[in-house]
Amino acid sequence: LTLTIHCEDEETVVRAHEEIREFDDVAELDAEPTRSGWGYGFGFRDPEGNVWGVACKYGADFDDRGGFIYP
């Protein structure tokens, strides 16, 4: 299971990576966000060992309440 934070764009992913790397108790943080055929993002483990992904998915959108709309 991977918990995911969906971002609106690549700039937001970069800002999230910069903020998360400031925490001392984060493990296995990817050195930098990377691009793939589906989007742009990175992963890490929180202090409890939960796996997180932070990404923007190309072609995705958000509805008026901020809900993620899969393309």
Protein backbone atom coordinates (compact mmCIF):
# COMPACT_ATOMS: atom_id res chain seq x y z
CA LEU A 1 0.00 0.00 0.00
CA THR A 2 1.30 3.43 -0.93
CA LEU A 3 -0.39 6.57 0.32
CA THR A 4 -0.36 9.24 -2.37
CA ILE A 5 -0.51 13.01 -2.39
CA HIS A 6 -1.64 14.19 -5.82
CA CYS A 7 -0.32 17.61 -6.80
CA GLU A 8 -1.59 20.00 -9.45
CA ASP A 9 1.73 20.47 -11.26
CA GLU A 10 5.45 19.73 -11.24
CA GLU A 11 6.29 22.93 -9.35
CA THR A 12 4.13 21.78 -6.44
CA VAL A 13 5.89 18.40 -6.43
CA VAL A 14 9.27 20.16 -6.25
CA ARG A 15 8.10 22.39 -3.37
CA ALA A 16 6.78 19.35 -1.48
CA HIS A 17 10.11 17.54 -1.95
CA GLU A 18 12.01 20.58 -0.64
CA GLU A 19 9.79 20.76 2.45
CA ILE A 20 9.79 17.03 3.20
CA ARG A 21 13.58 16.76 3.04
CA GLU A 22 13.73 19.25 5.95
CA PHE A 23 12.23 16.65 8.32
CA ASP A 24 14.78 14.59 10.27
CA ASP A 25 12.64 11.50 10.69
CA VAL A 26 11.77 10.81 7.02
CA ALA A 27 13.42 7.70 5.52
CA GLU A 28 14.19 6.56 2.00
CA LEU A 29 13.39 9.94 0.45
CA ASP A 30 14.15 9.88 -3.27
CA ALA A 31 17.07 12.20 -4.03
CA GLU A 32 14.88 14.20 -6.39
CA PRO A 33 11.53 13.93 -8.18
CA THR A 34 11.65 12.04 -11.46
CA ARG A 35 9.59 11.97 -14.67
CA SER A 36 8.04 8.89 -16.16
CA GLY A 37 5.46 8.17 -18.82
CA TRP A 38 2.63 8.74 -16.35
CA GLY A 39 3.83 11.80 -14.42
CA TYR A 40 6.36 13.38 -12.11
CA GLY A 41 6.99 12.53 -8.48
CA PHE A 42 8.96 11.01 -5.63
CA GLY A 43 8.54 8.68 -2.69
CA PHE A 44 9.52 8.38 0.98
CA ARG A 45 8.71 6.59 4.24
CA ASP A 46 7.28 8.42 7.23
CA PRO A 47 8.46 7.75 10.82
CA GLU A 48 5.91 4.92 11.18
CA GLY A 49 7.23 3.20 8.05
CA ASN A 50 4.29 4.10 5.81
CA VAL A 51 5.22 4.49 2.13
CA TRP A 52 4.19 7.77 0.51
CA GLY A 53 4.19 8.95 -3.07
CA VAL A 54 3.94 12.61 -4.03
CA ALA A 55 3.18 13.17 -7.70
CA CYS A 56 1.37 14.96 -10.44
CA LYS A 57 -0.26 12.65 -12.98
CA TYR A 58 -0.18 13.92 -16.53
CA GLY A 59 -3.70 14.52 -17.83
CA ALA A 60 -5.29 14.48 -14.36
CA ASP A 61 -7.39 17.30 -12.96
CA PHE A 62 -9.13 18.33 -9.75
CA ASP A 63 -12.83 19.05 -9.30
CA ASP A 64 -14.27 22.19 -7.68
CA ARG A 65 -13.88 20.69 -4.17
CA GLY A 66 -10.27 19.60 -4.76
CA GLY A 67 -11.05 15.96 -5.51
CA PHE A 68 -8.66 14.16 -7.83
CA ILE A 69 -10.03 13.27 -11.29
CA TYR A 70 -8.14 10.39 -12.89
CA PRO A 71 -7.64 10.89 -16.63
